[in-house]
Amino acid sequence: MKRVRRATLIGAMATAWAVGGLLVGASRSQTPPPGITRTALIENETVMMARLRMAPSAKEEIHTHPFSAIVVQLDAGEVDMRLGDAHTRARRPAGFVEFIPREVPHAAANLGADAFELVTIAIKPDRRRGGEAPALPAPEGITRTPVLENADARVTRVEFAPAAREPVHSHPFDMVVVPLTAGRIELRLAERLETRDYAAGEPMFLPRDVPHAVASAASAPLEVLSVGIK
């Protein structure tokens, strides 16, 4: 799987913020647990995102954080996950999505022989809340599969056939798009049009109420996660 070359942030500044556990700790100087490395991707008034690599045997201590978060598995891995009273040990496929509620004790560990990578989306509790809007019908060549929906986010897996495209539209909430497969994407945002190659895990931030459209410029099917922040 290709590594992220750069994160795209349109309408917001990307800054580094030290993250504790897999997400955010109490101090900007806090170092990651052994075997876990991170790269800051996007931070703005709505979200803070990072890409993480968990080496074999890497593990967290049980901890909490004062915000909810979405964790996206970028490649398959053997994961031990404690979340509240639940404890699971399973091989998670690429594209697996976990929601971690705020203040719920949790910890992850890599049980496998191979490293794996994830993208974390921390949802800031003091963000300006987004408006409500129903899901739009899928255009021809685009398949949408609901993944989760709660008071903080709506997550949808979207598959684009080659050359499939959305019509220009907008949402009353901020949105993050995370490619699950590497490929060439055309992104229209307001008056700006950009077409380039994206790595798996390289996110796009789409601000609320800004006309936009995503299209596949790839020769193979392209899969992304669409994360609407409520």
C-alpha atoms as a PDB file:
ATOM      1  CA  MET A   1       0.000   0.000   0.000  1.00  0.00           C
ATOM      2  CA  LYS A   2       1.370   3.409  -0.942  1.00  0.00           C
ATOM      3  CA  ARG A   3       2.310   5.766   1.860  1.00  0.00           C
ATOM      4  CA  VAL A   4       0.802   9.229   2.082  1.00  0.00           C
ATOM      5  CA  ARG A   5       2.897  11.750   0.164  1.00  0.00           C
ATOM      6  CA  ARG A   6       0.966  14.767   1.410  1.00  0.00           C
ATOM      7  CA  ALA A   7      -2.430  15.538   2.911  1.00  0.00           C
ATOM      8  CA  THR A   8      -4.822  17.795   1.083  1.00  0.00           C
ATOM      9  CA  LEU A   9      -6.581  20.437   3.136  1.00  0.00           C
ATOM     10  CA  ILE A  10      -8.766  22.937   1.344  1.00  0.00           C
ATOM     11  CA  GLY A  11     -10.210  25.783   3.348  1.00  0.00           C
ATOM     12  CA  ALA A  12      -8.208  24.996   6.525  1.00  0.00           C
ATOM     13  CA  MET A  13      -4.608  24.881   7.729  1.00  0.00           C
ATOM     14  CA  ALA A  14      -2.931  21.526   8.401  1.00  0.00           C
ATOM     15  CA  THR A  15      -0.907  21.631  11.633  1.00  0.00           C
ATOM     16  CA  ALA A  16       0.874  19.108  13.807  1.00  0.00           C
ATOM     17  CA  TRP A  17      -0.528  18.355  17.254  1.00  0.00           C
ATOM     18  CA  ALA A  18       1.002  15.688  19.461  1.00  0.00           C
ATOM     19  CA  VAL A  19      -1.403  12.806  19.977  1.00  0.00           C
ATOM     20  CA  GLY A  20      -1.511  10.447  22.916  1.00  0.00           C
ATOM     21  CA  GLY A  21      -2.500   6.808  22.590  1.00  0.00           C
ATOM     22  CA  LEU A  22      -3.698   6.627  19.014  1.00  0.00           C
ATOM     23  CA  LEU A  23      -5.328  10.023  19.268  1.00  0.00           C
ATOM     24  CA  VAL A  24      -4.844  13.065  21.498  1.00  0.00           C
ATOM     25  CA  GLY A  25      -3.115  13.266  24.859  1.00  0.00           C
ATOM     26  CA  ALA A  26      -2.925  15.980  27.443  1.00  0.00           C
ATOM     27  CA  SER A  27       0.359  17.432  26.234  1.00  0.00           C
ATOM     28  CA  ARG A  28       1.774  18.511  22.901  1.00  0.00           C
ATOM     29  CA  SER A  29       5.113  17.034  23.985  1.00  0.00           C
ATOM     30  CA  GLN A  30       3.721  13.571  24.756  1.00  0.00           C
ATOM     31  CA  THR A  31       5.507  10.836  22.822  1.00  0.00           C
ATOM     32  CA  PRO A  32       3.730   7.867  21.202  1.00  0.00           C
ATOM     33  CA  PRO A  33       3.818   4.428  22.861  1.00  0.00           C
ATOM     34  CA  PRO A  34       6.724   2.220  21.692  1.00  0.00           C
ATOM     35  CA  GLY A  35       6.150   0.789  18.222  1.00  0.00           C
ATOM     36  CA  ILE A  36       3.599   3.444  17.213  1.00  0.00           C
ATOM     37  CA  THR A  37       4.528   6.265  14.846  1.00  0.00           C
ATOM     38  CA  ARG A  38       2.259   9.035  13.631  1.00  0.00           C
ATOM     39  CA  THR A  39       2.046  11.704  10.977  1.00  0.00           C
ATOM     40  CA  ALA A  40      -0.253  14.692  11.473  1.00  0.00           C
ATOM     41  CA  LEU A  41      -2.561  15.189   8.488  1.00  0.00           C
ATOM     42  CA  ILE A  42      -5.264  17.796   9.039  1.00  0.00           C
ATOM     43  CA  GLU A  43      -6.325  20.035  11.881  1.00  0.00           C
ATOM     44  CA  ASN A  44      -8.988  22.711  11.785  1.00  0.00           C
ATOM     45  CA  GLU A  45     -11.945  23.805  13.923  1.00  0.00           C
ATOM     46  CA  THR A  46     -13.858  20.585  13.185  1.00  0.00           C
ATOM     47  CA  VAL A  47     -11.409  17.677  13.094  1.00  0.00           C
ATOM     48  CA  MET A  48      -7.876  16.613  13.843  1.00  0.00           C
ATOM     49  CA  MET A  49      -6.497  13.790  11.743  1.00  0.00           C
ATOM     50  CA  ALA A  50      -3.376  11.640  11.854  1.00  0.00           C
ATOM     51  CA  ARG A  51      -1.956   8.607  10.091  1.00  0.00           C
ATOM     52  CA  LEU A  52      -0.568   5.925  12.397  1.00  0.00           C
ATOM     53  CA  ARG A  53       1.641   2.887  11.994  1.00  0.00           C
ATOM     54  CA  MET A  54       1.504   0.084  14.557  1.00  0.00           C
ATOM     55  CA  ALA A  55       4.506  -2.236  14.503  1.00  0.00           C
ATOM     56  CA  PRO A  56       4.128  -5.894  15.523  1.00  0.00           C
ATOM     57  CA  SER A  57       3.552  -6.163  19.316  1.00  0.00           C
ATOM     58  CA  ALA A  58       2.845  -2.413  19.627  1.00  0.00           C
ATOM     59  CA  LYS A  59       0.120  -1.667  22.154  1.00  0.00           C
ATOM     60  CA  GLU A  60      -1.566   1.139  24.021  1.00  0.00           C
ATOM     61  CA  GLU A  61      -2.392   1.464  27.685  1.00  0.00           C
ATOM     62  CA  ILE A  62      -6.084   1.840  28.551  1.00  0.00           C
ATOM     63  CA  HIS A  63      -6.928   5.540  28.209  1.00  0.00           C
ATOM     64  CA  THR A  64      -9.749   7.972  27.402  1.00  0.00           C
ATOM     65  CA  HIS A  65     -10.032  11.243  25.515  1.00  0.00           C
ATOM     66  CA  PRO A  66     -12.528  14.118  25.707  1.00  0.00           C
ATOM     67  CA  PHE A  67     -13.789  13.746  22.127  1.00  0.00           C
ATOM     68  CA  SER A  68     -15.219  11.046  19.910  1.00  0.00           C
ATOM     69  CA  ALA A  69     -13.144   9.592  17.089  1.00  0.00           C
ATOM     70  CA  ILE A  70     -13.342   7.450  13.977  1.00  0.00           C
ATOM     71  CA  VAL A  71     -10.490   5.011  13.279  1.00  0.00           C
ATOM     72  CA  VAL A  72     -10.046   3.654   9.737  1.00  0.00           C
ATOM     73  CA  GLN A  73      -7.915   0.538   9.131  1.00  0.00           C
ATOM     74  CA  LEU A  74      -5.846   1.107   5.979  1.00  0.00           C
ATOM     75  CA  ASP A  75      -4.435  -2.406   5.724  1.00  0.00           C
ATOM     76  CA  ALA A  76      -5.437  -5.723   7.224  1.00  0.00           C
ATOM     77  CA  GLY A  77      -4.098  -6.585  10.656  1.00  0.00           C
ATOM     78  CA  GLU A  78      -4.515  -8.718  13.754  1.00  0.00           C
ATOM     79  CA  VAL A  79      -6.005  -6.352  16.329  1.00  0.00           C
ATOM     80  CA  ASP A  80      -6.690  -6.694  20.039  1.00  0.00           C
ATOM     81  CA  MET A  81      -9.232  -3.973  20.911  1.00  0.00           C
ATOM     82  CA  ARG A  82     -10.650  -3.023  24.282  1.00  0.00           C
ATOM     83  CA  LEU A  83     -13.507  -0.531  24.090  1.00  0.00           C
ATOM     84  CA  GLY A  84     -15.494   0.017  27.249  1.00  0.00           C
ATOM     85  CA  ASP A  85     -16.686  -3.402  28.435  1.00  0.00           C
ATOM     86  CA  ALA A  86     -16.046  -5.025  25.033  1.00  0.00           C
ATOM     87  CA  HIS A  87     -12.878  -6.961  24.211  1.00  0.00           C
ATOM     88  CA  THR A  88     -12.260  -8.329  20.705  1.00  0.00           C
ATOM     89  CA  ARG A  89      -9.331 -10.138  19.080  1.00  0.00           C
ATOM     90  CA  ALA A  90      -9.741 -10.462  15.332  1.00  0.00           C
ATOM     91  CA  ARG A  91      -8.181  -9.931  11.936  1.00  0.00           C
ATOM     92  CA  ARG A  92      -9.553  -6.645  10.657  1.00  0.00           C
ATOM     93  CA  PRO A  93      -9.718  -6.076   6.903  1.00  0.00           C
ATOM     94  CA  ALA A  94      -8.553  -2.953   5.131  1.00  0.00           C
ATOM     95  CA  GLY A  95     -11.370  -0.412   5.309  1.00  0.00           C
ATOM     96  CA  PHE A  96     -12.624  -1.518   8.740  1.00  0.00           C
ATOM     97  CA  VAL A  97     -14.121   1.430  10.661  1.00  0.00           C
ATOM     98  CA  GLU A  98     -14.296   1.794  14.457  1.00  0.00           C
ATOM     99  CA  PHE A  99     -16.134   4.542  16.356  1.00  0.00           C
ATOM    100  CA  ILE A 100     -14.697   5.462  19.763  1.00  0.00           C
ATOM    101  CA  PRO A 101     -17.078   7.527  21.928  1.00  0.00           C
ATOM    102  CA  ARG A 102     -15.692  10.314  24.076  1.00  0.00           C
ATOM    103  CA  GLU A 103     -14.571   9.402  27.623  1.00  0.00           C
ATOM    104  CA  VAL A 104     -14.870   5.641  26.970  1.00  0.00           C
ATOM    105  CA  PRO A 105     -11.764   3.674  28.101  1.00  0.00           C
ATOM    106  CA  HIS A 106     -10.056   1.901  25.217  1.00  0.00           C
ATOM    107  CA  ALA A 107      -6.767   0.467  23.970  1.00  0.00           C
ATOM    108  CA  ALA A 108      -5.526  -1.216  20.788  1.00  0.00           C
ATOM    109  CA  ALA A 109      -2.677  -3.678  20.197  1.00  0.00           C
ATOM    110  CA  ASN A 110      -1.130  -5.289  17.120  1.00  0.00           C
ATOM    111  CA  LEU A 111      -1.135  -9.072  17.611  1.00  0.00           C
ATOM    112  CA  GLY A 112       0.189  -9.929  14.148  1.00  0.00           C
ATOM    113  CA  ALA A 113       3.596 -10.405  12.575  1.00  0.00           C
ATOM    114  CA  ASP A 114       3.135  -7.432  10.238  1.00  0.00           C
ATOM    115  CA  ALA A 115       2.751  -3.713  10.830  1.00  0.00           C
ATOM    116  CA  PHE A 116      -0.468  -2.013   9.796  1.00  0.00           C
ATOM    117  CA  GLU A 117      -1.553   1.586   9.309  1.00  0.00           C
ATOM    118  CA  LEU A 118      -4.656   3.537  10.280  1.00  0.00           C
ATOM    119  CA  VAL A 119      -6.161   6.980   9.877  1.00  0.00           C
ATOM    120  CA  THR A 120      -7.733   8.586  12.947  1.00  0.00           C
ATOM    121  CA  ILE A 121     -10.362  11.332  12.766  1.00  0.00           C
ATOM    122  CA  ALA A 122     -10.810  13.113  16.084  1.00  0.00           C
ATOM    123  CA  ILE A 123     -14.089  15.070  16.122  1.00  0.00           C
ATOM    124  CA  LYS A 124     -13.713  18.242  18.163  1.00  0.00           C
ATOM    125  CA  PRO A 125     -16.468  18.625  20.776  1.00  0.00           C
ATOM    126  CA  ASP A 126     -16.441  22.440  20.538  1.00  0.00           C
ATOM    127  CA  ARG A 127     -16.931  22.458  16.748  1.00  0.00           C
ATOM    128  CA  ARG A 128     -19.763  24.385  15.146  1.00  0.00           C
ATOM    129  CA  ARG A 129     -22.404  21.727  14.639  1.00  0.00           C
ATOM    130  CA  GLY A 130     -23.477  20.933  11.099  1.00  0.00           C
ATOM    131  CA  GLY A 131     -26.986  20.976   9.730  1.00  0.00           C
ATOM    132  CA  GLU A 132     -29.112  17.981   8.769  1.00  0.00           C
ATOM    133  CA  ALA A 133     -29.449  16.680   5.231  1.00  0.00           C
ATOM    134  CA  PRO A 134     -30.646  13.367   3.766  1.00  0.00           C
ATOM    135  CA  ALA A 135     -28.255  11.192   1.801  1.00  0.00           C
ATOM    136  CA  LEU A 136     -28.356  11.972  -1.922  1.00  0.00           C
ATOM    137  CA  PRO A 137     -29.250   9.306  -4.507  1.00  0.00           C
ATOM    138  CA  ALA A 138     -26.156   7.634  -5.961  1.00  0.00           C
ATOM    139  CA  PRO A 139     -25.345   8.668  -9.561  1.00  0.00           C
ATOM    140  CA  GLU A 140     -24.701   6.036 -12.219  1.00  0.00           C
ATOM    141  CA  GLY A 141     -21.427   4.213 -11.619  1.00  0.00           C
ATOM    142  CA  ILE A 142     -21.301   5.096  -7.924  1.00  0.00           C
ATOM    143  CA  THR A 143     -22.276   2.662  -5.139  1.00  0.00           C
ATOM    144  CA  ARG A 144     -22.830   3.922  -1.591  1.00  0.00           C
ATOM    145  CA  THR A 145     -22.889   1.597   1.426  1.00  0.00           C
ATOM    146  CA  PRO A 146     -23.758   2.997   4.884  1.00  0.00           C
ATOM    147  CA  VAL A 147     -21.132   2.106   7.519  1.00  0.00           C
ATOM    148  CA  LEU A 148     -22.276   3.941  10.652  1.00  0.00           C
ATOM    149  CA  GLU A 149     -24.358   6.895  11.764  1.00  0.00           C
ATOM    150  CA  ASN A 150     -24.682   8.483  15.181  1.00  0.00           C
ATOM    151  CA  ALA A 151     -24.941  11.913  16.778  1.00  0.00           C
ATOM    152  CA  ASP A 152     -21.411  12.859  15.659  1.00  0.00           C
ATOM    153  CA  ALA A 153     -20.935  11.476  12.168  1.00  0.00           C
ATOM    154  CA  ARG A 154     -22.315   9.686   9.139  1.00  0.00           C
ATOM    155  CA  VAL A 155     -19.823   7.312   7.482  1.00  0.00           C
ATOM    156  CA  THR A 156     -20.449   5.868   4.021  1.00  0.00           C
ATOM    157  CA  ARG A 157     -18.276   3.613   1.871  1.00  0.00           C
ATOM    158  CA  VAL A 158     -18.384   4.876  -1.732  1.00  0.00           C
ATOM    159  CA  GLU A 159     -17.166   2.936  -4.773  1.00  0.00           C
ATOM    160  CA  PHE A 160     -16.561   4.767  -8.063  1.00  0.00           C
ATOM    161  CA  ALA A 161     -16.444   2.901 -11.337  1.00  0.00           C
ATOM    162  CA  PRO A 162     -13.838   4.282 -13.766  1.00  0.00           C
ATOM    163  CA  ALA A 163     -14.926   7.765 -14.980  1.00  0.00           C
ATOM    164  CA  ALA A 164     -17.910   7.878 -12.588  1.00  0.00           C
ATOM    165  CA  ARG A 165     -18.624  11.329 -11.176  1.00  0.00           C
ATOM    166  CA  GLU A 166     -20.861  13.136  -8.731  1.00  0.00           C
ATOM    167  CA  PRO A 167     -22.890  16.204  -9.737  1.00  0.00           C
ATOM    168  CA  VAL A 168     -21.798  19.447  -8.114  1.00  0.00           C
ATOM    169  CA  HIS A 169     -23.564  19.707  -4.743  1.00  0.00           C
ATOM    170  CA  SER A 170     -23.040  20.914  -1.173  1.00  0.00           C
ATOM    171  CA  HIS A 171     -23.782  19.798   2.397  1.00  0.00           C
ATOM    172  CA  PRO A 172     -24.698  21.805   5.512  1.00  0.00           C
ATOM    173  CA  PHE A 173     -21.915  20.004   7.408  1.00  0.00           C
ATOM    174  CA  ASP A 174     -18.156  19.572   7.032  1.00  0.00           C
ATOM    175  CA  MET A 175     -16.952  16.385   5.368  1.00  0.00           C
ATOM    176  CA  VAL A 176     -13.770  14.316   5.231  1.00  0.00           C
ATOM    177  CA  VAL A 177     -13.092  11.976   2.298  1.00  0.00           C
ATOM    178  CA  VAL A 178     -10.532   9.212   2.904  1.00  0.00           C
ATOM    179  CA  PRO A 179      -9.427   7.126  -0.111  1.00  0.00           C
ATOM    180  CA  LEU A 180      -9.239   3.415   0.726  1.00  0.00           C
ATOM    181  CA  THR A 181      -7.539   2.583  -2.569  1.00  0.00           C
ATOM    182  CA  ALA A 182      -4.862   4.560  -4.356  1.00  0.00           C
ATOM    183  CA  GLY A 183      -6.044   6.193  -7.557  1.00  0.00           C
ATOM    184  CA  ARG A 184      -6.450   9.323  -9.636  1.00  0.00           C
ATOM    185  CA  ILE A 185      -9.215  11.645  -8.404  1.00  0.00           C
ATOM    186  CA  GLU A 186     -10.755  14.792  -9.838  1.00  0.00           C
ATOM    187  CA  LEU A 187     -11.881  17.168  -7.091  1.00  0.00           C
ATOM    188  CA  ARG A 188     -13.930  20.281  -7.766  1.00  0.00           C
ATOM    189  CA  LEU A 189     -14.241  22.628  -4.787  1.00  0.00           C
ATOM    190  CA  ALA A 190     -15.983  25.945  -5.444  1.00  0.00           C
ATOM    191  CA  GLU A 191     -14.159  27.398  -8.485  1.00  0.00           C
ATOM    192  CA  ARG A 192     -11.092  25.204  -8.070  1.00  0.00           C
ATOM    193  CA  LEU A 193     -10.610  22.023 -10.114  1.00  0.00           C
ATOM    194  CA  GLU A 194      -7.714  19.641  -9.407  1.00  0.00           C
ATOM    195  CA  THR A 195      -6.928  16.191 -10.782  1.00  0.00           C
ATOM    196  CA  ARG A 196      -4.090  14.151  -9.329  1.00  0.00           C
ATOM    197  CA  ASP A 197      -3.089  10.807  -7.832  1.00  0.00           C
ATOM    198  CA  TYR A 198      -4.089  10.138  -4.219  1.00  0.00           C
ATOM    199  CA  ALA A 199      -2.565   7.526  -1.930  1.00  0.00           C
ATOM    200  CA  ALA A 200      -4.742   5.319   0.250  1.00  0.00           C
ATOM    201  CA  GLY A 201      -5.337   7.210   3.473  1.00  0.00           C
ATOM    202  CA  GLU A 202      -4.620  10.671   1.999  1.00  0.00           C
ATOM    203  CA  PRO A 203      -7.620  12.731   3.099  1.00  0.00           C
ATOM    204  CA  MET A 204      -9.568  15.645   1.654  1.00  0.00           C
ATOM    205  CA  PHE A 205     -11.480  18.145   3.811  1.00  0.00           C
ATOM    206  CA  LEU A 206     -14.628  19.597   2.222  1.00  0.00           C
ATOM    207  CA  PRO A 207     -16.042  22.599   4.122  1.00  0.00           C
ATOM    208  CA  ARG A 208     -19.782  22.941   4.663  1.00  0.00           C
ATOM    209  CA  ASP A 209     -21.959  24.803   2.158  1.00  0.00           C
ATOM    210  CA  VAL A 210     -19.189  24.875  -0.475  1.00  0.00           C
ATOM    211  CA  PRO A 211     -20.184  23.408  -3.875  1.00  0.00           C
ATOM    212  CA  HIS A 212     -18.031  20.386  -4.673  1.00  0.00           C
ATOM    213  CA  ALA A 213     -17.876  17.166  -6.677  1.00  0.00           C
ATOM    214  CA  VAL A 214     -15.635  14.099  -6.659  1.00  0.00           C
ATOM    215  CA  ALA A 215     -14.975  12.058  -9.802  1.00  0.00           C
ATOM    216  CA  SER A 216     -12.836   9.074 -10.646  1.00  0.00           C
ATOM    217  CA  ALA A 217     -10.058   9.706 -13.141  1.00  0.00           C
ATOM    218  CA  ALA A 218      -8.685   6.200 -12.525  1.00  0.00           C
ATOM    219  CA  SER A 219      -8.713   3.213 -14.854  1.00  0.00           C
ATOM    220  CA  ALA A 220      -9.758   0.830 -12.043  1.00  0.00           C
ATOM    221  CA  PRO A 221     -12.550   1.010  -9.432  1.00  0.00           C
ATOM    222  CA  LEU A 222     -11.857   3.536  -6.693  1.00  0.00           C
ATOM    223  CA  GLU A 223     -13.116   3.217  -3.105  1.00  0.00           C
ATOM    224  CA  VAL A 224     -13.346   6.032  -0.529  1.00  0.00           C
ATOM    225  CA  LEU A 225     -14.905   6.660   2.869  1.00  0.00           C
ATOM    226  CA  SER A 226     -17.161   9.685   3.075  1.00  0.00           C
ATOM    227  CA  VAL A 227     -17.322  11.019   6.658  1.00  0.00           C
ATOM    228  CA  GLY A 228     -19.913  13.722   7.295  1.00  0.00           C
ATOM    229  CA  ILE A 229     -19.282  15.532  10.601  1.00  0.00           C
ATOM    230  CA  LYS A 230     -22.527  16.522  12.316  1.00  0.00           C
END
